[in-house]
PDB file of all heavy atoms in Angstrom:
ATOM      1  N   ILE A   1       0.839  -1.204   0.001  1.00  0.00           N
ATOM      2  CA  ILE A   1      -0.001   0.000   0.000  1.00  0.00           C
ATOM      3  C   ILE A   1       0.871   1.250   0.002  1.00  0.00           C
ATOM      4  O   ILE A   1       0.569   2.240  -0.691  1.00  0.00           O
ATOM      5  CB  ILE A   1      -0.952  -0.009   1.211  1.00  0.00           C
ATOM      6  CG1 ILE A   1      -1.992  -1.125   1.045  1.00  0.00           C
ATOM      7  CG2 ILE A   1      -1.635   1.346   1.380  1.00  0.00           C
ATOM      8  CD1 ILE A   1      -2.863  -1.352   2.272  1.00  0.00           C
ATOM      9  N   TYR A   2       1.955   1.201   0.769  1.00  0.00           N
ATOM     10  CA  TYR A   2       2.898   2.343   0.791  1.00  0.00           C
ATOM     11  C   TYR A   2       3.446   2.595  -0.611  1.00  0.00           C
ATOM     12  O   TYR A   2       3.477   3.738  -1.090  1.00  0.00           O
ATOM     13  CB  TYR A   2       4.033   2.051   1.769  1.00  0.00           C
ATOM     14  CG  TYR A   2       5.223   2.969   1.611  1.00  0.00           C
ATOM     15  CD1 TYR A   2       5.210   4.264   2.128  1.00  0.00           C
ATOM     16  CD2 TYR A   2       6.372   2.543   0.930  1.00  0.00           C
ATOM     17  CE1 TYR A   2       6.296   5.115   1.975  1.00  0.00           C
ATOM     18  CE2 TYR A   2       7.459   3.380   0.776  1.00  0.00           C
ATOM     19  CZ  TYR A   2       7.422   4.662   1.303  1.00  0.00           C
ATOM     20  OH  TYR A   2       8.502   5.498   1.136  1.00  0.00           O
ATOM     21  N   TRP A   3       3.857   1.519  -1.300  1.00  0.00           N
ATOM     22  CA  TRP A   3       4.404   1.688  -2.655  1.00  0.00           C
ATOM     23  C   TRP A   3       3.322   2.137  -3.636  1.00  0.00           C
ATOM     24  O   TRP A   3       3.597   2.899  -4.565  1.00  0.00           O
ATOM     25  CB  TRP A   3       5.049   0.388  -3.125  1.00  0.00           C
ATOM     26  CG  TRP A   3       6.426   0.213  -2.619  1.00  0.00           C
ATOM     27  CD1 TRP A   3       7.421   1.158  -2.578  1.00  0.00           C
ATOM     28  CD2 TRP A   3       7.005  -0.977  -2.072  1.00  0.00           C
ATOM     29  NE1 TRP A   3       8.569   0.623  -2.029  1.00  0.00           N
ATOM     30  CE2 TRP A   3       8.346  -0.681  -1.713  1.00  0.00           C
ATOM     31  CE3 TRP A   3       6.529  -2.264  -1.854  1.00  0.00           C
ATOM     32  CZ2 TRP A   3       9.190  -1.621  -1.157  1.00  0.00           C
ATOM     33  CZ3 TRP A   3       7.370  -3.195  -1.299  1.00  0.00           C
ATOM     34  CH2 TRP A   3       8.684  -2.882  -0.952  1.00  0.00           C
ATOM     35  N   PHE A   4       2.088   1.689  -3.409  1.00  0.00           N
ATOM     36  CA  PHE A   4       1.018   2.121  -4.309  1.00  0.00           C
ATOM     37  C   PHE A   4       0.759   3.625  -4.148  1.00  0.00           C
ATOM     38  O   PHE A   4       0.394   4.300  -5.120  1.00  0.00           O
ATOM     39  CB  PHE A   4      -0.256   1.334  -4.042  1.00  0.00           C
ATOM     40  CG  PHE A   4      -1.336   1.590  -5.053  1.00  0.00           C
ATOM     41  CD1 PHE A   4      -1.157   1.242  -6.384  1.00  0.00           C
ATOM     42  CD2 PHE A   4      -2.528   2.204  -4.682  1.00  0.00           C
ATOM     43  CE1 PHE A   4      -2.145   1.487  -7.330  1.00  0.00           C
ATOM     44  CE2 PHE A   4      -3.509   2.444  -5.619  1.00  0.00           C
ATOM     45  CZ  PHE A   4      -3.325   2.094  -6.944  1.00  0.00           C
ATOM     46  N   ALA A   5       0.958   4.134  -2.944  1.00  0.00           N
ATOM     47  CA  ALA A   5       0.833   5.580  -2.738  1.00  0.00           C
ATOM     48  C   ALA A   5       1.886   6.320  -3.578  1.00  0.00           C
ATOM     49  O   ALA A   5       1.599   7.386  -4.147  1.00  0.00           O
ATOM     50  CB  ALA A   5       1.004   5.917  -1.257  1.00  0.00           C
ATOM     51  N   LEU A   6       3.085   5.755  -3.681  1.00  0.00           N
ATOM     52  CA  LEU A   6       4.124   6.366  -4.524  1.00  0.00           C
ATOM     53  C   LEU A   6       3.732   6.267  -5.999  1.00  0.00           C
ATOM     54  O   LEU A   6       4.005   7.190  -6.778  1.00  0.00           O
ATOM     55  CB  LEU A   6       5.469   5.670  -4.288  1.00  0.00           C
ATOM     56  CG  LEU A   6       6.044   5.728  -2.873  1.00  0.00           C
ATOM     57  CD1 LEU A   6       7.438   5.105  -2.841  1.00  0.00           C
ATOM     58  CD2 LEU A   6       6.103   7.154  -2.363  1.00  0.00           C
ATOM     59  N   VAL A   7       3.100   5.163  -6.368  1.00  0.00           N
ATOM     60  CA  VAL A   7       2.624   5.017  -7.744  1.00  0.00           C
ATOM     61  C   VAL A   7       1.590   6.094  -8.057  1.00  0.00           C
ATOM     62  O   VAL A   7       1.594   6.682  -9.144  1.00  0.00           O
ATOM     63  CB  VAL A   7       2.023   3.608  -7.967  1.00  0.00           C
ATOM     64  CG1 VAL A   7       1.309   3.533  -9.317  1.00  0.00           C
ATOM     65  CG2 VAL A   7       3.103   2.546  -7.887  1.00  0.00           C
ATOM     66  N   LEU A   8       0.705   6.377  -7.103  1.00  0.00           N
ATOM     67  CA  LEU A   8      -0.293   7.424  -7.307  1.00  0.00           C
ATOM     68  C   LEU A   8       0.364   8.791  -7.492  1.00  0.00           C
ATOM     69  O   LEU A   8      -0.122   9.626  -8.268  1.00  0.00           O
ATOM     70  CB  LEU A   8      -1.260   7.462  -6.124  1.00  0.00           C
ATOM     71  CG  LEU A   8      -2.166   6.225  -5.953  1.00  0.00           C
ATOM     72  CD1 LEU A   8      -3.044   6.374  -4.711  1.00  0.00           C
ATOM     73  CD2 LEU A   8      -3.030   6.014  -7.186  1.00  0.00           C
ATOM     74  N   ARG A   9       1.477   9.018  -6.809  1.00  0.00           N
ATOM     75  CA  ARG A   9       2.211  10.274  -7.004  1.00  0.00           C
ATOM     76  C   ARG A   9       2.768  10.368  -8.415  1.00  0.00           C
ATOM     77  O   ARG A   9       2.760  11.434  -9.034  1.00  0.00           O
ATOM     78  CB  ARG A   9       3.359  10.363  -5.985  1.00  0.00           C
ATOM     79  CG  ARG A   9       2.917  10.625  -4.557  1.00  0.00           C
ATOM     80  CD  ARG A   9       4.081  10.619  -3.602  1.00  0.00           C
ATOM     81  NE  ARG A   9       5.111  11.578  -3.985  1.00  0.00           N
ATOM     82  CZ  ARG A   9       6.299  11.676  -3.391  1.00  0.00           C
ATOM     83  NH1 ARG A   9       6.588  10.838  -2.391  1.00  0.00           N
ATOM     84  NH2 ARG A   9       7.161  12.577  -3.771  1.00  0.00           N
ATOM     85  N   ILE A  10       3.246   9.232  -8.932  1.00  0.00           N
ATOM     86  CA  ILE A  10       3.752   9.214 -10.305  1.00  0.00           C
ATOM     87  C   ILE A  10       2.613   9.500 -11.288  1.00  0.00           C
ATOM     88  O   ILE A  10       2.780  10.256 -12.252  1.00  0.00           O
ATOM     89  CB  ILE A  10       4.412   7.859 -10.623  1.00  0.00           C
ATOM     90  CG1 ILE A  10       5.625   7.630  -9.722  1.00  0.00           C
ATOM     91  CG2 ILE A  10       4.829   7.802 -12.090  1.00  0.00           C
ATOM     92  CD1 ILE A  10       6.266   6.264  -9.873  1.00  0.00           C
ATOM     93  N   ILE A  11       1.447   8.891 -11.034  1.00  0.00           N
ATOM     94  CA  ILE A  11       0.284   9.148 -11.902  1.00  0.00           C
ATOM     95  C   ILE A  11      -0.063  10.631 -11.893  1.00  0.00           C
ATOM     96  O   ILE A  11      -0.346  11.230 -12.940  1.00  0.00           O
ATOM     97  CB  ILE A  11      -0.916   8.309 -11.441  1.00  0.00           C
ATOM     98  CG1 ILE A  11      -0.621   6.814 -11.603  1.00  0.00           C
ATOM     99  CG2 ILE A  11      -2.175   8.687 -12.224  1.00  0.00           C
ATOM    100  CD1 ILE A  11      -1.685   5.912 -11.019  1.00  0.00           C
ATOM    101  N   TYR A  12      -0.019  11.233 -10.720  1.00  0.00           N
ATOM    102  CA  TYR A  12      -0.309  12.667 -10.610  1.00  0.00           C
ATOM    103  C   TYR A  12       0.677  13.491 -11.423  1.00  0.00           C
ATOM    104  O   TYR A  12       0.304  14.431 -12.119  1.00  0.00           O
ATOM    105  CB  TYR A  12      -0.263  13.082  -9.138  1.00  0.00           C
ATOM    106  CG  TYR A  12      -0.429  14.570  -8.929  1.00  0.00           C
ATOM    107  CD1 TYR A  12      -1.690  15.168  -8.986  1.00  0.00           C
ATOM    108  CD2 TYR A  12       0.688  15.382  -8.677  1.00  0.00           C
ATOM    109  CE1 TYR A  12      -1.841  16.531  -8.797  1.00  0.00           C
ATOM    110  CE2 TYR A  12       0.543  16.744  -8.491  1.00  0.00           C
ATOM    111  CZ  TYR A  12      -0.727  17.327  -8.554  1.00  0.00           C
ATOM    112  OH  TYR A  12      -0.868  18.668  -8.379  1.00  0.00           O
ATOM    113  N   ARG A  13       1.967  13.115 -11.376  1.00  0.00           N
ATOM    114  CA  ARG A  13       2.977  13.855 -12.138  1.00  0.00           C
ATOM    115  C   ARG A  13       2.800  13.664 -13.641  1.00  0.00           C
ATOM    116  O   ARG A  13       3.060  14.581 -14.414  1.00  0.00           O
ATOM    117  CB  ARG A  13       4.388  13.429 -11.708  1.00  0.00           C
ATOM    118  CG  ARG A  13       4.797  13.970 -10.351  1.00  0.00           C
ATOM    119  CD  ARG A  13       6.317  14.079 -10.257  1.00  0.00           C
ATOM    120  NE  ARG A  13       6.965  12.800 -10.448  1.00  0.00           N
ATOM    121  CZ  ARG A  13       7.293  11.984  -9.468  1.00  0.00           C
ATOM    122  NH1 ARG A  13       6.999  12.290  -8.223  1.00  0.00           N
ATOM    123  NH2 ARG A  13       7.899  10.840  -9.724  1.00  0.00           N
ATOM    124  N   ILE A  14       2.362  12.447 -14.031  1.00  0.00           N
ATOM    125  CA  ILE A  14       2.118  12.211 -15.454  1.00  0.00           C
ATOM    126  C   ILE A  14       1.012  13.138 -15.951  1.00  0.00           C
ATOM    127  O   ILE A  14       1.109  13.752 -17.020  1.00  0.00           O
ATOM    128  CB  ILE A  14       1.735  10.742 -15.705  1.00  0.00           C
ATOM    129  CG1 ILE A  14       2.926   9.820 -15.440  1.00  0.00           C
ATOM    130  CG2 ILE A  14       1.245  10.542 -17.134  1.00  0.00           C
ATOM    131  CD1 ILE A  14       2.592   8.355 -15.535  1.00  0.00           C
ATOM    132  N   VAL A  15      -0.044  13.239 -15.150  1.00  0.00           N
ATOM    133  CA  VAL A  15      -1.201  14.045 -15.550  1.00  0.00           C
ATOM    134  C   VAL A  15      -0.874  15.544 -15.533  1.00  0.00           C
ATOM    135  O   VAL A  15      -1.263  16.284 -16.442  1.00  0.00           O
ATOM    136  CB  VAL A  15      -2.406  13.751 -14.639  1.00  0.00           C
ATOM    137  CG1 VAL A  15      -3.569  14.685 -14.941  1.00  0.00           C
ATOM    138  CG2 VAL A  15      -2.845  12.295 -14.785  1.00  0.00           C
ATOM    139  N   THR A  16      -0.147  15.992 -14.515  1.00  0.00           N
ATOM    140  CA  THR A  16       0.079  17.428 -14.348  1.00  0.00           C
ATOM    141  C   THR A  16       1.380  17.930 -14.968  1.00  0.00           C
ATOM    142  O   THR A  16       1.468  19.090 -15.374  1.00  0.00           O
ATOM    143  CB  THR A  16       0.075  17.785 -12.853  1.00  0.00           C
ATOM    144  OG1 THR A  16       1.134  17.064 -12.184  1.00  0.00           O
ATOM    145  CG2 THR A  16      -1.273  17.442 -12.225  1.00  0.00           C
ATOM    146  N   GLN A  17       2.416  17.048 -15.033  1.00  0.00           N
ATOM    147  CA  GLN A  17       3.731  17.501 -15.489  1.00  0.00           C
ATOM    148  C   GLN A  17       4.296  16.660 -16.632  1.00  0.00           C
ATOM    149  O   GLN A  17       5.405  16.914 -17.088  1.00  0.00           O
ATOM    150  CB  GLN A  17       4.732  17.479 -14.323  1.00  0.00           C
ATOM    151  CG  GLN A  17       4.281  18.280 -13.110  1.00  0.00           C
ATOM    152  CD  GLN A  17       5.219  18.061 -11.924  1.00  0.00           C
ATOM    153  OE1 GLN A  17       6.368  17.650 -12.077  1.00  0.00           O
ATOM    154  NE2 GLN A  17       4.728  18.326 -10.727  1.00  0.00           N
ATOM    155  N   ASN A  18       3.556  15.619 -17.052  1.00  0.00           N
ATOM    156  CA  ASN A  18       4.048  14.703 -18.081  1.00  0.00           C
ATOM    157  C   ASN A  18       5.406  14.117 -17.685  1.00  0.00           C
ATOM    158  O   ASN A  18       6.342  14.032 -18.477  1.00  0.00           O
ATOM    159  CB  ASN A  18       4.167  15.412 -19.440  1.00  0.00           C
ATOM    160  CG  ASN A  18       4.373  14.424 -20.575  1.00  0.00           C
ATOM    161  OD1 ASN A  18       3.926  13.291 -20.498  1.00  0.00           O
ATOM    162  ND2 ASN A  18       5.052  14.857 -21.625  1.00  0.00           N
ATOM    163  N   ASN A  19       5.501  13.693 -16.426  1.00  0.00           N
ATOM    164  CA  ASN A  19       6.759  13.229 -15.847  1.00  0.00           C
ATOM    165  C   ASN A  19       6.580  11.815 -15.312  1.00  0.00           C
ATOM    166  O   ASN A  19       5.776  11.584 -14.418  1.00  0.00           O
ATOM    167  CB  ASN A  19       7.162  14.170 -14.709  1.00  0.00           C
ATOM    168  CG  ASN A  19       8.517  13.805 -14.117  1.00  0.00           C
ATOM    169  OD1 ASN A  19       9.123  12.820 -14.497  1.00  0.00           O
ATOM    170  ND2 ASN A  19       8.979  14.609 -13.180  1.00  0.00           N
ATOM    171  N   LEU A  20       7.331  10.860 -15.868  1.00  0.00           N
ATOM    172  CA  LEU A  20       7.203   9.442 -15.498  1.00  0.00           C
ATOM    173  C   LEU A  20       8.351   8.984 -14.610  1.00  0.00           C
ATOM    174  O   LEU A  20       8.768   7.856 -14.648  1.00  0.00           O
ATOM    175  CB  LEU A  20       7.136   8.588 -16.775  1.00  0.00           C
ATOM    176  CG  LEU A  20       6.801   7.094 -16.636  1.00  0.00           C
ATOM    177  CD1 LEU A  20       5.493   6.894 -15.911  1.00  0.00           C
ATOM    178  CD2 LEU A  20       6.748   6.440 -17.998  1.00  0.00           C
ATOM    179  N   ASP A  21       8.875   9.842 -13.754  1.00  0.00           N
ATOM    180  CA  ASP A  21       9.987   9.444 -12.888  1.00  0.00           C
ATOM    181  C   ASP A  21       9.491   8.633 -11.709  1.00  0.00           C
ATOM    182  O   ASP A  21       8.406   8.859 -11.172  1.00  0.00           O
ATOM    183  CB  ASP A  21      10.712  10.684 -12.351  1.00  0.00           C
ATOM    184  CG  ASP A  21      11.661  11.275 -13.388  1.00  0.00           C
ATOM    185  OD1 ASP A  21      12.086  10.518 -14.281  1.00  0.00           O
ATOM    186  OD2 ASP A  21      11.940  12.474 -13.312  1.00  0.00           O
ATOM    187  N   ASP A  22      10.320   7.686 -11.279  1.00  0.00           N
ATOM    188  CA  ASP A  22      10.056   6.887 -10.090  1.00  0.00           C
ATOM    189  C   ASP A  22      10.201   7.785  -8.877  1.00  0.00           C
ATOM    190  O   ASP A  22      10.962   8.728  -8.881  1.00  0.00           O
ATOM    191  CB  ASP A  22      11.077   5.737 -10.037  1.00  0.00           C
ATOM    192  CG  ASP A  22      10.715   4.667  -9.035  1.00  0.00           C
ATOM    193  OD1 ASP A  22       9.889   4.943  -8.160  1.00  0.00           O
ATOM    194  OD2 ASP A  22      11.266   3.565  -9.141  1.00  0.00           O
ATOM    195  N   SER A  23       9.482   7.424  -7.781  1.00  0.00           N
ATOM    196  CA  SER A  23       9.484   8.242  -6.573  1.00  0.00           C
ATOM    197  C   SER A  23      10.432   7.720  -5.508  1.00  0.00           C
ATOM    198  O   SER A  23      10.280   8.040  -4.345  1.00  0.00           O
ATOM    199  CB  SER A  23       8.065   8.332  -5.986  1.00  0.00           C
ATOM    200  OG  SER A  23       7.190   8.960  -6.878  1.00  0.00           O
ATOM    201  N   ARG A  24      11.410   6.893  -5.873  1.00  0.00           N
ATOM    202  CA  ARG A  24      12.267   6.289  -4.853  1.00  0.00           C
ATOM    203  C   ARG A  24      13.734   6.577  -5.071  1.00  0.00           C
ATOM    204  O   ARG A  24      14.596   5.926  -4.548  1.00  0.00           O
ATOM    205  CB  ARG A  24      12.069   4.760  -4.859  1.00  0.00           C
ATOM    206  CG  ARG A  24      10.676   4.324  -4.646  1.00  0.00           C
ATOM    207  CD  ARG A  24      10.568   2.826  -4.729  1.00  0.00           C
ATOM    208  NE  ARG A  24      10.923   2.327  -6.034  1.00  0.00           N
ATOM    209  CZ  ARG A  24      12.015   1.622  -6.279  1.00  0.00           C
ATOM    210  NH1 ARG A  24      12.873   1.356  -5.322  1.00  0.00           N
ATOM    211  NH2 ARG A  24      12.261   1.199  -7.489  1.00  0.00           N
ATOM    212  N   SER A  25      14.056   7.573  -5.898  1.00  0.00           N
ATOM    213  CA  SER A  25      15.387   7.693  -6.412  1.00  0.00           C
ATOM    214  C   SER A  25      16.405   8.206  -5.413  1.00  0.00           C
ATOM    215  O   SER A  25      16.066   8.865  -4.463  1.00  0.00           O
ATOM    216  CB  SER A  25      15.287   8.592  -7.606  1.00  0.00           C
ATOM    217  OG  SER A  25      16.237   9.514  -7.682  1.00  0.00           O
ATOM    218  N   ASP A  26      17.661   7.876  -5.628  1.00  0.00           N
ATOM    219  CA  ASP A  26      18.740   8.551  -4.926  1.00  0.00           C
ATOM    220  C   ASP A  26      18.986   9.851  -5.673  1.00  0.00           C
ATOM    221  O   ASP A  26      18.530  10.066  -6.769  1.00  0.00           O
ATOM    222  CB  ASP A  26      20.021   7.700  -4.881  1.00  0.00           C
ATOM    223  CG  ASP A  26      20.362   7.100  -6.221  1.00  0.00           C
ATOM    224  OD1 ASP A  26      20.434   7.889  -7.199  1.00  0.00           O
ATOM    225  OD2 ASP A  26      20.556   5.875  -6.308  1.00  0.00           O
ATOM    226  N   SER A  27      19.757  10.745  -5.075  1.00  0.00           N
ATOM    227  CA  SER A  27      19.915  12.084  -5.630  1.00  0.00           C
ATOM    228  C   SER A  27      20.621  12.080  -6.969  1.00  0.00           C
ATOM    229  O   SER A  27      20.483  13.006  -7.739  1.00  0.00           O
ATOM    230  CB  SER A  27      20.706  12.958  -4.641  1.00  0.00           C
ATOM    231  OG  SER A  27      21.978  12.397  -4.412  1.00  0.00           O
ATOM    232  N   GLU A  28      21.382  11.037  -7.281  1.00  0.00           N
ATOM    233  CA  GLU A  28      22.136  11.033  -8.515  1.00  0.00           C
ATOM    234  C   GLU A  28      21.293  10.564  -9.700  1.00  0.00           C
ATOM    235  O   GLU A  28      21.739  10.566 -10.818  1.00  0.00           O
ATOM    236  CB  GLU A  28      23.364  10.122  -8.368  1.00  0.00           C
ATOM    237  CG  GLU A  28      24.348  10.636  -7.338  1.00  0.00           C
ATOM    238  CD  GLU A  28      25.569   9.742  -7.266  1.00  0.00           C
ATOM    239  OE1 GLU A  28      25.791   8.963  -8.209  1.00  0.00           O
ATOM    240  OE2 GLU A  28      26.312   9.820  -6.299  1.00  0.00           O
ATOM    241  N   ASP A  29      20.054  10.161  -9.441  1.00  0.00           N
ATOM    242  CA  ASP A  29      19.210   9.660 -10.514  1.00  0.00           C
ATOM    243  C   ASP A  29      18.284  10.722 -11.081  1.00  0.00           C
ATOM    244  O   ASP A  29      17.399  10.435 -11.860  1.00  0.00           O
ATOM    245  CB  ASP A  29      18.342   8.495 -10.025  1.00  0.00           C
ATOM    246  CG  ASP A  29      19.142   7.234  -9.901  1.00  0.00           C
ATOM    247  OD1 ASP A  29      20.180   7.130 -10.567  1.00  0.00           O
ATOM    248  OD2 ASP A  29      18.734   6.360  -9.135  1.00  0.00           O
ATOM    249  N   ASN A  30      18.476  11.980 -10.726  1.00  0.00           N
ATOM    250  CA  ASN A  30      17.558  13.025 -11.148  1.00  0.00           C
ATOM    251  C   ASN A  30      17.684  13.390 -12.612  1.00  0.00           C
ATOM    252  O   ASN A  30      16.903  14.195 -13.115  1.00  0.00           O
ATOM    253  CB  ASN A  30      17.789  14.288 -10.309  1.00  0.00           C
ATOM    254  CG  ASN A  30      17.259  14.129  -8.898  1.00  0.00           C
ATOM    255  OD1 ASN A  30      16.267  13.462  -8.693  1.00  0.00           O
ATOM    256  ND2 ASN A  30      17.934  14.735  -7.947  1.00  0.00           N
ATOM    257  N   ASP A  31      18.671  12.835 -13.323  1.00  0.00           N
ATOM    258  CA  ASP A  31      18.818  13.157 -14.735  1.00  0.00           C
ATOM    259  C   ASP A  31      17.936  12.268 -15.600  1.00  0.00           C
ATOM    260  O   ASP A  31      18.099  12.197 -16.796  1.00  0.00           O
ATOM    261  CB  ASP A  31      20.286  12.994 -15.165  1.00  0.00           C
ATOM    262  CG  ASP A  31      20.799  11.586 -14.935  1.00  0.00           C
ATOM    263  OD1 ASP A  31      20.079  10.794 -14.287  1.00  0.00           O
ATOM    264  OD2 ASP A  31      21.907  11.284 -15.406  1.00  0.00           O
ATOM    265  N   GLY A  32      16.954  11.597 -14.955  1.00  0.00           N
ATOM    266  CA  GLY A  32      16.018  10.767 -15.718  1.00  0.00           C
ATOM    267  C   GLY A  32      16.179   9.311 -15.412  1.00  0.00           C
ATOM    268  O   GLY A  32      15.525   8.465 -15.993  1.00  0.00           O
ATOM    269  N   ASP A  33      17.077   8.956 -14.488  1.00  0.00           N
ATOM    270  CA  ASP A  33      17.256   7.563 -14.123  1.00  0.00           C
ATOM    271  C   ASP A  33      16.072   7.113 -13.305  1.00  0.00           C
ATOM    272  O   ASP A  33      15.190   7.874 -12.955  1.00  0.00           O
ATOM    273  CB  ASP A  33      18.559   7.444 -13.303  1.00  0.00           C
ATOM    274  CG  ASP A  33      19.202   6.097 -13.459  1.00  0.00           C
ATOM    275  OD1 ASP A  33      18.527   5.186 -13.960  1.00  0.00           O
ATOM    276  OD2 ASP A  33      20.373   5.978 -13.097  1.00  0.00           O
ATOM    277  N   ASP A  34      16.047   5.807 -12.957  1.00  0.00           N
ATOM    278  CA  ASP A  34      14.879   5.313 -12.269  1.00  0.00           C
ATOM    279  C   ASP A  34      14.991   5.654 -10.813  1.00  0.00           C
ATOM    280  O   ASP A  34      15.452   4.926 -10.003  1.00  0.00           O
ATOM    281  CB  ASP A  34      14.747   3.796 -12.423  1.00  0.00           C
ATOM    282  CG  ASP A  34      15.660   3.063 -11.519  1.00  0.00           C
ATOM    283  OD1 ASP A  34      16.871   3.283 -11.608  1.00  0.00           O
ATOM    284  OD2 ASP A  34      15.161   2.262 -10.745  1.00  0.00           O
ATOM    285  N   GLY A  35      14.570   6.770 -10.371  1.00  0.00           N
ATOM    286  CA  GLY A  35      14.697   7.106  -9.019  1.00  0.00           C
ATOM    287  C   GLY A  35      13.656   8.021  -8.526  1.00  0.00           C
ATOM    288  O   GLY A  35      12.688   8.253  -9.150  1.00  0.00           O
ATOM    289  N   ALA A  36      13.899   8.526  -7.340  1.00  0.00           N
ATOM    290  CA  ALA A  36      12.851   9.238  -6.649  1.00  0.00           C
ATOM    291  C   ALA A  36      12.751  10.694  -6.971  1.00  0.00           C
ATOM    292  O   ALA A  36      11.698  11.238  -6.925  1.00  0.00           O
ATOM    293  CB  ALA A  36      13.069   9.093  -5.182  1.00  0.00           C
ATOM    294  N   GLY A  37      13.750  11.384  -7.245  1.00  0.00           N
ATOM    295  CA  GLY A  37      13.601  12.809  -7.489  1.00  0.00           C
ATOM    296  C   GLY A  37      12.965  13.088  -8.807  1.00  0.00           C
ATOM    297  O   GLY A  37      13.116  12.370  -9.739  1.00  0.00           O
TER     298      GLY A  37
END
């Protein structure tokens, strides 16, 4: 359920920002890698 809440955040970003980034990333993954930022 905790991870599904993060999935819902990704859905929100897709709808509002067209952004498919994962919500679990380390700081070095912000260039589009699979991470949280």
